PDB file of N, CA and C in Angstrom:
ATOM      1  N   MET A   1      76.943  14.126  36.122  1.00  0.00           N
ATOM      2  CA  MET A   1      77.927  15.161  35.911  1.00  0.00           C
ATOM      3  C   MET A   1      78.325  15.175  34.431  1.00  0.00           C
ATOM      4  N   LYS A   2      78.310  16.365  33.852  1.00  0.00           N
ATOM      5  CA  LYS A   2      78.780  16.512  32.478  1.00  0.00           C
ATOM      6  C   LYS A   2      80.290  16.361  32.489  1.00  0.00           C
ATOM      7  N   LYS A   3      80.821  15.529  31.612  1.00  0.00           N
ATOM      8  CA  LYS A   3      82.254  15.266  31.611  1.00  0.00           C
ATOM      9  C   LYS A   3      82.932  15.968  30.445  1.00  0.00           C
ATOM     10  N   VAL A   4      82.856  15.400  29.251  1.00  0.00           N
ATOM     11  CA  VAL A   4      83.476  16.006  28.077  1.00  0.00           C
ATOM     12  C   VAL A   4      82.518  17.043  27.505  1.00  0.00           C
ATOM     13  N   THR A   5      83.050  18.235  27.242  1.00  0.00           N
ATOM     14  CA  THR A   5      82.220  19.311  26.704  1.00  0.00           C
ATOM     15  C   THR A   5      82.550  19.637  25.251  1.00  0.00           C
ATOM     16  N   GLY A   6      83.624  19.051  24.723  1.00  0.00           N
ATOM     17  CA  GLY A   6      83.976  19.318  23.334  1.00  0.00           C
ATOM     18  C   GLY A   6      85.393  18.863  23.039  1.00  0.00           C
ATOM     19  N   ILE A   7      85.848  19.185  21.849  1.00  0.00           N
ATOM     20  CA  ILE A   7      87.200  18.847  21.420  1.00  0.00           C
ATOM     21  C   ILE A   7      88.092  20.061  21.670  1.00  0.00           C
ATOM     22  N   GLY A   8      89.147  19.854  22.430  1.00  0.00           N
ATOM     23  CA  GLY A   8      90.092  20.933  22.695  1.00  0.00           C
ATOM     24  C   GLY A   8      91.185  20.993  21.655  1.00  0.00           C
ATOM     25  N   GLY A   9      91.489  19.843  21.059  1.00  0.00           N
ATOM     26  CA  GLY A   9      92.532  19.834  20.049  1.00  0.00           C
ATOM     27  C   GLY A   9      92.674  18.488  19.384  1.00  0.00           C
ATOM     28  N   ILE A  10      93.204  18.521  18.193  1.00  0.00           N
ATOM     29  CA  ILE A  10      93.541  17.330  17.420  1.00  0.00           C
ATOM     30  C   ILE A  10      95.035  17.435  17.142  1.00  0.00           C
ATOM     31  N   PHE A  11      95.795  16.448  17.619  1.00  0.00           N
ATOM     32  CA  PHE A  11      97.238  16.462  17.465  1.00  0.00           C
ATOM     33  C   PHE A  11      97.663  15.189  16.740  1.00  0.00           C
ATOM     34  N   PHE A  12      98.597  15.312  15.819  1.00  0.00           N
ATOM     35  CA  PHE A  12      99.015  14.148  15.042  1.00  0.00           C
ATOM     36  C   PHE A  12     100.479  14.277  14.671  1.00  0.00           C
ATOM     37  N   LYS A  13     101.112  13.133  14.447  1.00  0.00           N
ATOM     38  CA  LYS A  13     102.524  13.104  14.091  1.00  0.00           C
ATOM     39  C   LYS A  13     102.714  13.370  12.610  1.00  0.00           C
ATOM     40  N   SER A  14     103.809  14.029  12.302  1.00  0.00           N
ATOM     41  CA  SER A  14     104.126  14.382  10.926  1.00  0.00           C
ATOM     42  C   SER A  14     105.627  14.217  10.697  1.00  0.00           C
ATOM     43  N   ARG A  15     106.001  13.785   9.487  1.00  0.00           N
ATOM     44  CA  ARG A  15     107.425  13.691   9.140  1.00  0.00           C
ATOM     45  C   ARG A  15     108.067  15.077   9.132  1.00  0.00           C
ATOM     46  N   ASN A  16     107.284  16.097   8.718  1.00  0.00           N
ATOM     47  CA  ASN A  16     107.814  17.456   8.632  1.00  0.00           C
ATOM     48  C   ASN A  16     106.689  18.431   8.998  1.00  0.00           C
ATOM     49  N   PRO A  17     106.497  18.710  10.292  1.00  0.00           N
ATOM     50  CA  PRO A  17     105.385  19.555  10.720  1.00  0.00           C
ATOM     51  C   PRO A  17     105.338  20.931  10.049  1.00  0.00           C
ATOM     52  N   GLU A  18     106.483  21.566   9.885  1.00  0.00           N
ATOM     53  CA  GLU A  18     106.480  22.910   9.280  1.00  0.00           C
ATOM     54  C   GLU A  18     106.039  22.865   7.817  1.00  0.00           C
ATOM     55  N   LYS A  19     106.516  21.883   7.081  1.00  0.00           N
ATOM     56  CA  LYS A  19     106.126  21.736   5.676  1.00  0.00           C
ATOM     57  C   LYS A  19     104.627  21.414   5.590  1.00  0.00           C
ATOM     58  N   LEU A  20     104.152  20.565   6.483  1.00  0.00           N
ATOM     59  CA  LEU A  20     102.736  20.204   6.483  1.00  0.00           C
ATOM     60  C   LEU A  20     101.858  21.415   6.820  1.00  0.00           C
ATOM     61  N   LYS A  21     102.281  22.199   7.809  1.00  0.00           N
ATOM     62  CA  LYS A  21     101.532  23.424   8.142  1.00  0.00           C
ATOM     63  C   LYS A  21     101.463  24.339   6.933  1.00  0.00           C
ATOM     64  N   SER A  22     102.583  24.483   6.208  1.00  0.00           N
ATOM     65  CA  SER A  22     102.606  25.334   5.008  1.00  0.00           C
ATOM     66  C   SER A  22     101.652  24.814   3.947  1.00  0.00           C
ATOM     67  N   TRP A  23     101.614  23.493   3.750  1.00  0.00           N
ATOM     68  CA  TRP A  23     100.707  22.903   2.766  1.00  0.00           C
ATOM     69  C   TRP A  23      99.247  23.208   3.125  1.00  0.00           C
ATOM     70  N   TYR A  24      98.901  23.009   4.387  1.00  0.00           N
ATOM     71  CA  TYR A  24      97.523  23.284   4.820  1.00  0.00           C
ATOM     72  C   TYR A  24      97.176  24.764   4.692  1.00  0.00           C
ATOM     73  N   GLU A  25      98.132  25.633   4.958  1.00  0.00           N
ATOM     74  CA  GLU A  25      97.865  27.058   4.800  1.00  0.00           C
ATOM     75  C   GLU A  25      97.665  27.410   3.332  1.00  0.00           C
ATOM     76  N   LYS A  26      98.541  26.922   2.476  1.00  0.00           N
ATOM     77  CA  LYS A  26      98.464  27.234   1.047  1.00  0.00           C
ATOM     78  C   LYS A  26      97.185  26.693   0.406  1.00  0.00           C
ATOM     79  N   HIS A  27      96.848  25.446   0.691  1.00  0.00           N
ATOM     80  CA  HIS A  27      95.753  24.799  -0.022  1.00  0.00           C
ATOM     81  C   HIS A  27      94.408  24.877   0.682  1.00  0.00           C
ATOM     82  N   LEU A  28      94.402  24.986   2.001  1.00  0.00           N
ATOM     83  CA  LEU A  28      93.133  24.986   2.736  1.00  0.00           C
ATOM     84  C   LEU A  28      92.931  26.232   3.593  1.00  0.00           C
ATOM     85  N   GLY A  29      93.918  27.124   3.600  1.00  0.00           N
ATOM     86  CA  GLY A  29      93.774  28.366   4.337  1.00  0.00           C
ATOM     87  C   GLY A  29      93.870  28.228   5.853  1.00  0.00           C
ATOM     88  N   ILE A  30      94.424  27.125   6.331  1.00  0.00           N
ATOM     89  CA  ILE A  30      94.588  26.930   7.773  1.00  0.00           C
ATOM     90  C   ILE A  30      95.923  27.555   8.170  1.00  0.00           C
ATOM     91  N   GLU A  31      95.860  28.671   8.883  1.00  0.00           N
ATOM     92  CA  GLU A  31      97.067  29.378   9.286  1.00  0.00           C
ATOM     93  C   GLU A  31      97.514  28.918  10.663  1.00  0.00           C
ATOM     94  N   ALA A  32      98.720  28.399  10.752  1.00  0.00           N
ATOM     95  CA  ALA A  32      99.290  27.995  12.026  1.00  0.00           C
ATOM     96  C   ALA A  32      99.799  29.251  12.726  1.00  0.00           C
ATOM     97  N   SER A  33      99.179  29.584  13.853  1.00  0.00           N
ATOM     98  CA  SER A  33      99.496  30.834  14.523  1.00  0.00           C
ATOM     99  C   SER A  33     100.673  30.734  15.475  1.00  0.00           C
ATOM    100  N   ASP A  34     101.026  29.543  15.898  1.00  0.00           N
ATOM    101  CA  ASP A  34     102.146  29.390  16.821  1.00  0.00           C
ATOM    102  C   ASP A  34     102.711  27.982  16.707  1.00  0.00           C
ATOM    103  N   GLU A  35     103.595  27.637  17.627  1.00  0.00           N
ATOM    104  CA  GLU A  35     104.212  26.309  17.582  1.00  0.00           C
ATOM    105  C   GLU A  35     103.199  25.184  17.665  1.00  0.00           C
ATOM    106  N   ALA A  36     102.105  25.403  18.389  1.00  0.00           N
ATOM    107  CA  ALA A  36     101.095  24.352  18.570  1.00  0.00           C
ATOM    108  C   ALA A  36     100.340  24.057  17.286  1.00  0.00           C
ATOM    109  N   GLY A  37     100.260  25.008  16.401  1.00  0.00           N
ATOM    110  CA  GLY A  37      99.506  24.815  15.162  1.00  0.00           C
ATOM    111  C   GLY A  37      98.489  25.922  14.966  1.00  0.00           C
ATOM    112  N   ALA A  38      97.340  25.555  14.452  1.00  0.00           N
ATOM    113  CA  ALA A  38      96.287  26.530  14.188  1.00  0.00           C
ATOM    114  C   ALA A  38      95.306  26.578  15.348  1.00  0.00           C
ATOM    115  N   ILE A  39      94.796  27.751  15.589  1.00  0.00           N
ATOM    116  CA  ILE A  39      93.807  27.959  16.639  1.00  0.00           C
ATOM    117  C   ILE A  39      92.486  28.311  15.948  1.00  0.00           C
ATOM    118  N   PHE A  40      91.472  27.460  16.144  1.00  0.00           N
ATOM    119  CA  PHE A  40      90.142  27.726  15.609  1.00  0.00           C
ATOM    120  C   PHE A  40      89.291  28.310  16.733  1.00  0.00           C
ATOM    121  N   GLU A  41      88.922  29.568  16.585  1.00  0.00           N
ATOM    122  CA  GLU A  41      88.111  30.221  17.609  1.00  0.00           C
ATOM    123  C   GLU A  41      86.635  30.000  17.326  1.00  0.00           C
ATOM    124  N   TRP A  42      85.858  29.907  18.407  1.00  0.00           N
ATOM    125  CA  TRP A  42      84.423  29.711  18.300  1.00  0.00           C
ATOM    126  C   TRP A  42      83.765  30.280  19.547  1.00  0.00           C
ATOM    127  N   ARG A  43      82.453  30.363  19.532  1.00  0.00           N
ATOM    128  CA  ARG A  43      81.685  30.912  20.647  1.00  0.00           C
ATOM    129  C   ARG A  43      80.960  29.800  21.382  1.00  0.00           C
ATOM    130  N   ASP A  44      80.885  29.928  22.680  1.00  0.00           N
ATOM    131  CA  ASP A  44      80.173  28.982  23.529  1.00  0.00           C
ATOM    132  C   ASP A  44      78.671  29.094  23.232  1.00  0.00           C
ATOM    133  N   ALA A  45      78.009  27.984  22.954  1.00  0.00           N
ATOM    134  CA  ALA A  45      76.581  27.992  22.620  1.00  0.00           C
ATOM    135  C   ALA A  45      75.733  28.518  23.771  1.00  0.00           C
ATOM    136  N   ASP A  46      76.134  28.231  25.017  1.00  0.00           N
ATOM    137  CA  ASP A  46      75.366  28.683  26.174  1.00  0.00           C
ATOM    138  C   ASP A  46      75.714  30.103  26.601  1.00  0.00           C
ATOM    139  N   ASP A  47      76.844  30.613  26.137  1.00  0.00           N
ATOM    140  CA  ASP A  47      77.297  31.953  26.494  1.00  0.00           C
ATOM    141  C   ASP A  47      78.021  32.551  25.290  1.00  0.00           C
ATOM    142  N   PRO A  48      77.255  33.084  24.314  1.00  0.00           N
ATOM    143  CA  PRO A  48      77.849  33.574  23.062  1.00  0.00           C
ATOM    144  C   PRO A  48      78.901  34.670  23.228  1.00  0.00           C
ATOM    145  N   ASP A  49      78.944  35.322  24.386  1.00  0.00           N
ATOM    146  CA  ASP A  49      79.977  36.331  24.615  1.00  0.00           C
ATOM    147  C   ASP A  49      81.317  35.695  24.978  1.00  0.00           C
ATOM    148  N   LYS A  50      81.296  34.408  25.267  1.00  0.00           N
ATOM    149  CA  LYS A  50      82.498  33.686  25.687  1.00  0.00           C
ATOM    150  C   LYS A  50      83.209  33.101  24.469  1.00  0.00           C
ATOM    151  N   SER A  51      84.460  33.509  24.265  1.00  0.00           N
ATOM    152  CA  SER A  51      85.269  33.010  23.161  1.00  0.00           C
ATOM    153  C   SER A  51      86.028  31.767  23.612  1.00  0.00           C
ATOM    154  N   GLU A  52      86.024  30.721  22.796  1.00  0.00           N
ATOM    155  CA  GLU A  52      86.709  29.462  23.078  1.00  0.00           C
ATOM    156  C   GLU A  52      87.584  29.126  21.875  1.00  0.00           C
ATOM    157  N   TYR A  53      88.326  28.032  21.948  1.00  0.00           N
ATOM    158  CA  TYR A  53      89.154  27.640  20.807  1.00  0.00           C
ATOM    159  C   TYR A  53      89.446  26.146  20.818  1.00  0.00           C
ATOM    160  N   THR A  54      89.777  25.651  19.638  1.00  0.00           N
ATOM    161  CA  THR A  54      90.223  24.281  19.417  1.00  0.00           C
ATOM    162  C   THR A  54      91.547  24.369  18.664  1.00  0.00           C
ATOM    163  N   VAL A  55      92.502  23.536  19.056  1.00  0.00           N
ATOM    164  CA  VAL A  55      93.831  23.561  18.447  1.00  0.00           C
ATOM    165  C   VAL A  55      93.965  22.426  17.435  1.00  0.00           C
ATOM    166  N   TRP A  56      94.568  22.717  16.304  1.00  0.00           N
ATOM    167  CA  TRP A  56      94.940  21.730  15.286  1.00  0.00           C
ATOM    168  C   TRP A  56      96.460  21.759  15.223  1.00  0.00           C
ATOM    169  N   GLY A  57      97.115  20.626  15.531  1.00  0.00           N
ATOM    170  CA  GLY A  57      98.553  20.710  15.593  1.00  0.00           C
ATOM    171  C   GLY A  57      99.322  19.473  15.193  1.00  0.00           C
ATOM    172  N   PRO A  58     100.152  19.593  14.146  1.00  0.00           N
ATOM    173  CA  PRO A  58     101.071  18.518  13.815  1.00  0.00           C
ATOM    174  C   PRO A  58     102.284  18.551  14.747  1.00  0.00           C
ATOM    175  N   PHE A  59     102.699  17.379  15.177  1.00  0.00           N
ATOM    176  CA  PHE A  59     103.877  17.209  16.024  1.00  0.00           C
ATOM    177  C   PHE A  59     104.948  16.479  15.225  1.00  0.00           C
ATOM    178  N   PRO A  60     106.200  16.611  15.602  1.00  0.00           N
ATOM    179  CA  PRO A  60     107.240  15.816  14.936  1.00  0.00           C
ATOM    180  C   PRO A  60     106.959  14.323  15.116  1.00  0.00           C
ATOM    181  N   ARG A  61     107.298  13.537  14.104  1.00  0.00           N
ATOM    182  CA  ARG A  61     107.050  12.091  14.136  1.00  0.00           C
ATOM    183  C   ARG A  61     107.716  11.429  15.342  1.00  0.00           C
ATOM    184  N   ASP A  62     108.848  11.962  15.794  1.00  0.00           N
ATOM    185  CA  ASP A  62     109.566  11.344  16.905  1.00  0.00           C
ATOM    186  C   ASP A  62     109.189  11.906  18.279  1.00  0.00           C
ATOM    187  N   THR A  63     108.094  12.637  18.362  1.00  0.00           N
ATOM    188  CA  THR A  63     107.675  13.179  19.652  1.00  0.00           C
ATOM    189  C   THR A  63     107.412  12.059  20.656  1.00  0.00           C
ATOM    190  N   ASP A  64     107.711  12.322  21.898  1.00  0.00           N
ATOM    191  CA  ASP A  64     107.363  11.352  22.936  1.00  0.00           C
ATOM    192  C   ASP A  64     106.134  11.813  23.715  1.00  0.00           C
ATOM    193  N   TYR A  65     105.516  12.908  23.268  1.00  0.00           N
ATOM    194  CA  TYR A  65     104.353  13.464  23.964  1.00  0.00           C
ATOM    195  C   TYR A  65     103.157  12.509  23.946  1.00  0.00           C
ATOM    196  N   PHE A  66     103.049  11.667  22.935  1.00  0.00           N
ATOM    197  CA  PHE A  66     101.915  10.745  22.836  1.00  0.00           C
ATOM    198  C   PHE A  66     102.172   9.438  23.589  1.00  0.00           C
ATOM    199  N   GLN A  67     103.394   9.224  24.071  1.00  0.00           N
ATOM    200  CA  GLN A  67     103.727   7.968  24.743  1.00  0.00           C
ATOM    201  C   GLN A  67     102.940   7.821  26.041  1.00  0.00           C
ATOM    202  N   PRO A  68     102.571   6.627  26.424  1.00  0.00           N
ATOM    203  CA  PRO A  68     103.051   5.353  25.906  1.00  0.00           C
ATOM    204  C   PRO A  68     102.282   4.843  24.689  1.00  0.00           C
ATOM    205  N   SER A  69     101.402   5.635  24.121  1.00  0.00           N
ATOM    206  CA  SER A  69     100.651   5.210  22.939  1.00  0.00           C
ATOM    207  C   SER A  69     101.573   5.111  21.727  1.00  0.00           C
ATOM    208  N   ASN A  70     101.278   4.160  20.855  1.00  0.00           N
ATOM    209  CA  ASN A  70     101.980   4.049  19.581  1.00  0.00           C
ATOM    210  C   ASN A  70     101.190   4.706  18.453  1.00  0.00           C
ATOM    211  N   ALA A  71     100.037   5.278  18.785  1.00  0.00           N
ATOM    212  CA  ALA A  71      99.189   5.908  17.773  1.00  0.00           C
ATOM    213  C   ALA A  71      99.860   7.158  17.209  1.00  0.00           C
ATOM    214  N   SER A  72      99.486   7.514  16.018  1.00  0.00           N
ATOM    215  CA  SER A  72     100.053   8.697  15.370  1.00  0.00           C
ATOM    216  C   SER A  72      99.230   9.951  15.654  1.00  0.00           C
ATOM    217  N   PHE A  73      98.265   9.853  16.560  1.00  0.00           N
ATOM    218  CA  PHE A  73      97.413  10.995  16.878  1.00  0.00           C
ATOM    219  C   PHE A  73      97.078  10.990  18.370  1.00  0.00           C
ATOM    220  N   MET A  74      96.587  12.136  18.841  1.00  0.00           N
ATOM    221  CA  MET A  74      96.060  12.244  20.195  1.00  0.00           C
ATOM    222  C   MET A  74      94.955  13.291  20.159  1.00  0.00           C
ATOM    223  N   ILE A  75      93.839  12.976  20.782  1.00  0.00           N
ATOM    224  CA  ILE A  75      92.730  13.924  20.866  1.00  0.00           C
ATOM    225  C   ILE A  75      92.715  14.520  22.262  1.00  0.00           C
ATOM    226  N   ASN A  76      92.539  15.816  22.308  1.00  0.00           N
ATOM    227  CA  ASN A  76      92.413  16.553  23.558  1.00  0.00           C
ATOM    228  C   ASN A  76      90.930  16.874  23.727  1.00  0.00           C
ATOM    229  N   TYR A  77      90.363  16.397  24.842  1.00  0.00           N
ATOM    230  CA  TYR A  77      88.950  16.664  25.133  1.00  0.00           C
ATOM    231  C   TYR A  77      88.842  17.748  26.193  1.00  0.00           C
ATOM    232  N   ARG A  78      87.982  18.721  25.930  1.00  0.00           N
ATOM    233  CA  ARG A  78      87.672  19.745  26.928  1.00  0.00           C
ATOM    234  C   ARG A  78      86.738  19.105  27.941  1.00  0.00           C
ATOM    235  N   VAL A  79      86.998  19.333  29.216  1.00  0.00           N
ATOM    236  CA  VAL A  79      86.163  18.748  30.263  1.00  0.00           C
ATOM    237  C   VAL A  79      85.843  19.795  31.322  1.00  0.00           C
ATOM    238  N   GLN A  80      84.826  19.498  32.102  1.00  0.00           N
ATOM    239  CA  GLN A  80      84.505  20.282  33.293  1.00  0.00           C
ATOM    240  C   GLN A  80      84.806  19.413  34.501  1.00  0.00           C
ATOM    241  N   HIS A  81      85.206  20.037  35.599  1.00  0.00           N
ATOM    242  CA  HIS A  81      85.430  19.321  36.861  1.00  0.00           C
ATOM    243  C   HIS A  81      86.453  18.202  36.686  1.00  0.00           C
ATOM    244  N   LEU A  82      87.614  18.554  36.151  1.00  0.00           N
ATOM    245  CA  LEU A  82      88.632  17.552  35.830  1.00  0.00           C
ATOM    246  C   LEU A  82      89.048  16.729  37.045  1.00  0.00           C
ATOM    247  N   GLU A  83      89.247  17.360  38.165  1.00  0.00           N
ATOM    248  CA  GLU A  83      89.708  16.596  39.329  1.00  0.00           C
ATOM    249  C   GLU A  83      88.676  15.560  39.762  1.00  0.00           C
ATOM    250  N   GLU A  84      87.381  15.887  39.671  1.00  0.00           N
ATOM    251  CA  GLU A  84      86.336  14.902  39.977  1.00  0.00           C
ATOM    252  C   GLU A  84      86.354  13.769  38.956  1.00  0.00           C
ATOM    253  N   LEU A  85      86.564  14.111  37.692  1.00  0.00           N
ATOM    254  CA  LEU A  85      86.633  13.092  36.644  1.00  0.00           C
ATOM    255  C   LEU A  85      87.838  12.177  36.866  1.00  0.00           C
ATOM    256  N   ILE A  86      88.970  12.750  37.241  1.00  0.00           N
ATOM    257  CA  ILE A  86      90.156  11.935  37.539  1.00  0.00           C
ATOM    258  C   ILE A  86      89.834  10.934  38.642  1.00  0.00           C
ATOM    259  N   ASP A  87      89.169  11.402  39.696  1.00  0.00           N
ATOM    260  CA  ASP A  87      88.794  10.502  40.797  1.00  0.00           C
ATOM    261  C   ASP A  87      87.912   9.363  40.294  1.00  0.00           C
ATOM    262  N   GLU A  88      86.921   9.689  39.454  1.00  0.00           N
ATOM    263  CA  GLU A  88      86.023   8.658  38.903  1.00  0.00           C
ATOM    264  C   GLU A  88      86.788   7.642  38.063  1.00  0.00           C
ATOM    265  N   LEU A  89      87.697   8.134  37.226  1.00  0.00           N
ATOM    266  CA  LEU A  89      88.466   7.238  36.363  1.00  0.00           C
ATOM    267  C   LEU A  89      89.365   6.324  37.197  1.00  0.00           C
ATOM    268  N   ARG A  90      89.983   6.866  38.213  1.00  0.00           N
ATOM    269  CA  ARG A  90      90.839   6.050  39.084  1.00  0.00           C
ATOM    270  C   ARG A  90      90.013   5.025  39.858  1.00  0.00           C
ATOM    271  N   GLU A  91      88.834   5.433  40.324  1.00  0.00           N
ATOM    272  CA  GLU A  91      87.948   4.491  41.022  1.00  0.00           C
ATOM    273  C   GLU A  91      87.530   3.350  40.105  1.00  0.00           C
ATOM    274  N   ALA A  92      87.466   3.628  38.795  1.00  0.00           N
ATOM    275  CA  ALA A  92      87.121   2.598  37.812  1.00  0.00           C
ATOM    276  C   ALA A  92      88.328   1.733  37.456  1.00  0.00           C
ATOM    277  N   GLY A  93      89.468   2.002  38.080  1.00  0.00           N
ATOM    278  CA  GLY A  93      90.656   1.189  37.846  1.00  0.00           C
ATOM    279  C   GLY A  93      91.560   1.662  36.730  1.00  0.00           C
ATOM    280  N   LEU A  94      91.324   2.868  36.201  1.00  0.00           N
ATOM    281  CA  LEU A  94      92.149   3.384  35.106  1.00  0.00           C
ATOM    282  C   LEU A  94      93.369   4.106  35.651  1.00  0.00           C
ATOM    283  N   ASP A  95      94.462   4.015  34.922  1.00  0.00           N
ATOM    284  CA  ASP A  95      95.698   4.690  35.272  1.00  0.00           C
ATOM    285  C   ASP A  95      95.659   6.089  34.660  1.00  0.00           C
ATOM    286  N   VAL A  96      95.563   7.089  35.508  1.00  0.00           N
ATOM    287  CA  VAL A  96      95.473   8.474  35.047  1.00  0.00           C
ATOM    288  C   VAL A  96      96.733   9.222  35.456  1.00  0.00           C
ATOM    289  N   SER A  97      97.347   9.925  34.514  1.00  0.00           N
ATOM    290  CA  SER A  97      98.487  10.797  34.809  1.00  0.00           C
ATOM    291  C   SER A  97      97.953  12.208  35.010  1.00  0.00           C
ATOM    292  N   GLY A  98      98.470  12.869  36.011  1.00  0.00           N
ATOM    293  CA  GLY A  98      98.017  14.225  36.282  1.00  0.00           C
ATOM    294  C   GLY A  98      97.226  14.260  37.572  1.00  0.00           C
ATOM    295  N   PRO A  99      96.703  15.392  37.908  1.00  0.00           N
ATOM    296  CA  PRO A  99      96.599  16.596  37.083  1.00  0.00           C
ATOM    297  C   PRO A  99      97.902  17.381  37.015  1.00  0.00           C
ATOM    298  N   ALA A 100      98.019  18.162  35.948  1.00  0.00           N
ATOM    299  CA  ALA A 100      99.152  19.059  35.756  1.00  0.00           C
ATOM    300  C   ALA A 100      98.609  20.442  35.431  1.00  0.00           C
ATOM    301  N   GLU A 101      99.050  21.423  36.180  1.00  0.00           N
ATOM    302  CA  GLU A 101      98.609  22.795  35.935  1.00  0.00           C
ATOM    303  C   GLU A 101      99.483  23.440  34.869  1.00  0.00           C
ATOM    304  N   HIS A 102      98.858  24.274  34.067  1.00  0.00           N
ATOM    305  CA  HIS A 102      99.491  24.953  32.945  1.00  0.00           C
ATOM    306  C   HIS A 102      98.802  26.306  32.823  1.00  0.00           C
ATOM    307  N   PRO A 103      99.431  27.311  32.230  1.00  0.00           N
ATOM    308  CA  PRO A 103      98.746  28.598  32.065  1.00  0.00           C
ATOM    309  C   PRO A 103      97.405  28.494  31.327  1.00  0.00           C
ATOM    310  N   GLU A 104      97.248  27.458  30.477  1.00  0.00           N
ATOM    311  CA  GLU A 104      96.000  27.291  29.719  1.00  0.00           C
ATOM    312  C   GLU A 104      94.936  26.525  30.495  1.00  0.00           C
ATOM    313  N   GLY A 105      95.284  25.957  31.658  1.00  0.00           N
ATOM    314  CA  GLY A 105      94.309  25.201  32.441  1.00  0.00           C
ATOM    315  C   GLY A 105      94.943  24.011  33.123  1.00  0.00           C
ATOM    316  N   ILE A 106      94.129  23.016  33.408  1.00  0.00           N
ATOM    317  CA  ILE A 106      94.582  21.799  34.077  1.00  0.00           C
ATOM    318  C   ILE A 106      94.466  20.639  33.093  1.00  0.00           C
ATOM    319  N   PHE A 107      95.489  19.771  33.077  1.00  0.00           N
ATOM    320  CA  PHE A 107      95.531  18.649  32.150  1.00  0.00           C
ATOM    321  C   PHE A 107      95.677  17.332  32.896  1.00  0.00           C
ATOM    322  N   ALA A 108      95.190  16.261  32.267  1.00  0.00           N
ATOM    323  CA  ALA A 108      95.400  14.892  32.731  1.00  0.00           C
ATOM    324  C   ALA A 108      95.397  14.000  31.494  1.00  0.00           C
ATOM    325  N   TRP A 109      95.930  12.769  31.645  1.00  0.00           N
ATOM    326  CA  TRP A 109      96.041  11.859  30.508  1.00  0.00           C
ATOM    327  C   TRP A 109      95.630  10.459  30.916  1.00  0.00           C
ATOM    328  N   VAL A 110      94.978   9.757  30.004  1.00  0.00           N
ATOM    329  CA  VAL A 110      94.540   8.381  30.229  1.00  0.00           C
ATOM    330  C   VAL A 110      94.602   7.651  28.887  1.00  0.00           C
ATOM    331  N   MET A 111      94.765   6.344  28.939  1.00  0.00           N
ATOM    332  CA  MET A 111      94.784   5.538  27.715  1.00  0.00           C
ATOM    333  C   MET A 111      93.411   4.907  27.526  1.00  0.00           C
ATOM    334  N   ASP A 112      92.919   4.856  26.277  1.00  0.00           N
ATOM    335  CA  ASP A 112      91.668   4.155  26.009  1.00  0.00           C
ATOM    336  C   ASP A 112      91.969   2.658  25.835  1.00  0.00           C
ATOM    337  N   PRO A 113      90.934   1.820  25.722  1.00  0.00           N
ATOM    338  CA  PRO A 113      91.172   0.368  25.628  1.00  0.00           C
ATOM    339  C   PRO A 113      91.991  -0.071  24.419  1.00  0.00           C
ATOM    340  N   GLU A 114      92.093   0.776  23.380  1.00  0.00           N
ATOM    341  CA  GLU A 114      92.871   0.410  22.194  1.00  0.00           C
ATOM    342  C   GLU A 114      94.275   0.997  22.213  1.00  0.00           C
ATOM    343  N   GLY A 115      94.676   1.572  23.334  1.00  0.00           N
ATOM    344  CA  GLY A 115      96.032   2.087  23.465  1.00  0.00           C
ATOM    345  C   GLY A 115      96.246   3.495  22.957  1.00  0.00           C
ATOM    346  N   ASN A 116      95.178   4.253  22.757  1.00  0.00           N
ATOM    347  CA  ASN A 116      95.302   5.643  22.333  1.00  0.00           C
ATOM    348  C   ASN A 116      95.365   6.538  23.561  1.00  0.00           C
ATOM    349  N   LYS A 117      96.360   7.414  23.588  1.00  0.00           N
ATOM    350  CA  LYS A 117      96.477   8.359  24.690  1.00  0.00           C
ATOM    351  C   LYS A 117      95.445   9.458  24.487  1.00  0.00           C
ATOM    352  N   ILE A 118      94.743   9.782  25.558  1.00  0.00           N
ATOM    353  CA  ILE A 118      93.719  10.827  25.544  1.00  0.00           C
ATOM    354  C   ILE A 118      94.168  11.920  26.497  1.00  0.00           C
ATOM    355  N   GLU A 119      94.086  13.149  26.035  1.00  0.00           N
ATOM    356  CA  GLU A 119      94.408  14.285  26.888  1.00  0.00           C
ATOM    357  C   GLU A 119      93.102  14.929  27.337  1.00  0.00           C
ATOM    358  N   LEU A 120      92.980  15.148  28.625  1.00  0.00           N
ATOM    359  CA  LEU A 120      91.801  15.788  29.203  1.00  0.00           C
ATOM    360  C   LEU A 120      92.224  17.188  29.658  1.00  0.00           C
ATOM    361  N   TRP A 121      91.425  18.187  29.310  1.00  0.00           N
ATOM    362  CA  TRP A 121      91.808  19.582  29.571  1.00  0.00           C
ATOM    363  C   TRP A 121      90.634  20.346  30.124  1.00  0.00           C
ATOM    364  N   GLU A 122      90.837  20.920  31.296  1.00  0.00           N
ATOM    365  CA  GLU A 122      89.871  21.864  31.849  1.00  0.00           C
ATOM    366  C   GLU A 122      90.468  23.253  31.639  1.00  0.00           C
ATOM    367  N   PRO A 123      89.934  24.012  30.675  1.00  0.00           N
ATOM    368  CA  PRO A 123      90.500  25.330  30.384  1.00  0.00           C
ATOM    369  C   PRO A 123      90.522  26.213  31.633  1.00  0.00           C
ATOM    370  N   VAL A 124      91.467  27.116  31.669  1.00  0.00           N
ATOM    371  CA  VAL A 124      91.667  27.964  32.833  1.00  0.00           C
ATOM    372  C   VAL A 124      90.391  28.720  33.224  1.00  0.00           C
ATOM    373  N   ALA A 125      89.606  29.165  32.280  1.00  0.00           N
ATOM    374  CA  ALA A 125      88.368  29.895  32.589  1.00  0.00           C
ATOM    375  C   ALA A 125      87.347  29.002  33.273  1.00  0.00           C
ATOM    376  N   ASP A 126      87.418  27.667  33.010  1.00  0.00           N
ATOM    377  CA  ASP A 126      86.480  26.728  33.602  1.00  0.00           C
ATOM    378  C   ASP A 126      86.991  26.149  34.913  1.00  0.00           C
ATOM    379  N   ALA A 127      88.296  26.291  35.155  1.00  0.00           N
ATOM    380  CA  ALA A 127      88.912  25.669  36.345  1.00  0.00           C
ATOM    381  C   ALA A 127      88.450  26.338  37.627  1.00  0.00           C
TER     382      ALA A 127
END
């Protein structure tokens, strides 16, 4: 079974997310389109008519969204068949939070062996 299909987002802590977004826009042309940050649109290699996206987003340094990880970043992986993957991870003895439904799709979270929180996302079109 194909599990991870790509990167859904890169999220990281910032002392001042709005100032950082402005710096990236001014110097690198990365425009933050909403609260989440910048949306990078791309086409699916197997279905070029299908539009997809990856999110780049600074979070406030004091966010609790990455907890229980102490890392300053979190990677969101796009996946297929999230509920089956959750079952596999739990069978392997991993503590998985979720699934949680959202307008953008279904989400779950797991910690890697080094204590980094990983977000798993099955986009709504794939769900």
